[in-house]
């Protein structure tokens, strides 16, 4: 996203150049100075012919004044329909008939695949024609191996945010989100180059599924490679760029509203500056400094700061341990839509930690996080339906959420899904499928997955009977303290 700011003339007129820098400092300290009219730009793309558009949440957050401009320069008003703050995705809607792009599952992408992006980098400088940048998939995971992003070598600039990442067929496999910025690098002698990120399309499908009007309108990807040998990249770009739009957002001028306190975008800027200082202190375990800056950022509504504050109180890091205070900060971030805080607050209600135990409240927060694609919350919501905790028991719904979680790699959900296949509860009994899911869990180190996989090898269910393999998995589970695995080893005379 690209923002432009119009300085408040009453502050800067006739003053020396140092004052703009002092203003930034004042903003960081959250002084109520209101001095900017702001226009933001980003990119987006149609996913249905009826005008549903995908972009980044950060492109449209904080305003209801959104417009799109198509390839022909025609402008349409748009409204925000769905957001996923955790994965920085949003769906907006314009009225009209438009050319959509097809979306493929990100599981079809391999490291090294050629990809390209279409968007509007720095439109105030480079103009409003669609720009092409190309590269390849550098990694199937993002910063510090988090699973939601692709790392790509496609060059990106401000304004590319929210644009499509497309494969060589012109099918969407991700949503452009960010580049590796110097502020994200600590204690390194050289800043990596050409390190950029895109949100995987699987998480976009999770957001799409929350709106019943969209899935049925999606254009299916081609069943086989549609690009002929003679079709060049230029031809693919020519047929896909009409689906890409410039997104413009306008924030109101608050020059005359100082009495009401700082406007949203100023609070966000101040909160981000404070969060960055607090996060650096947190990483270096300078707890008093972390508490000061994160507390400032948290009070200004920065959800990442609120999450870290909750962790500090939960773990007693630099503060007296307080589960009640941890729950308070998790609640603040959860109410602002952060999925990981919603999940943690759900766990606190489920266990009666820091709050009164309440299965209904736990399930409510699990659902909010699950609908944003949080894998642990999806597994917990599946368990709620499985056991009838906080909701009516519904095995089919439990299986649905277990599967969503398991497909994202959640080991507990993989165990539960495997056990359902083993028993035939809610699904057609399939011992081979049970073994497949239990193996996925076991290979991640889950002790229950290891124990249950061992029993399958011992009994020859879903896998060939293999006593040494059974003992091997029993040992791994027992080493983690799994009681049934220890009993199985004793039964075999193995200590």
Foldseek 3Di string as FASTA:
>chain_A
DDKDWDFACVQPPPDDPCVVVVVLVVLLVQDQDFTTWMKAKAKWFAQFQQFKIKFFQVRAPPFQFKWKAFQVRDIFTKGWDFHQNQLRMTIIGTGDGADHAAADALVVFDFFFKKKWWWCAPCVPPNDHIDIWIWTFHACAAPVRHRFKTWTLTDDHRRHGTTFIAGLLLHGFFGWHFADDPLVDPDDPDDDPSTGITGGCVLVVLRQVVDVVPPVRGDHDDPDRPADPPDDSVNSCVVNRSRMIMMMGTDDRCNPPSVVGHGLVSLQSSLVVLCSQLVVCVVVLVQVSNCVSLVSSLVSQDLVSLQVVLVCLCVVRSHPNAQLSSLVSLVSSVVVQNLVSLQVNLVCLCVVTNHRNAQLSSLVSLVSSVSSQDLVSLQVNLVCLCVVGSHRNDNLSSLVSLVSNVVSQDLVSLQVNLVCLCVVPNHRNDQLSSLVSLVSNVVVLDLSSLQVNLVCLCVVTSHGNDNVSSLVSLVSSVVVVPPVSVVVCVVVVHD
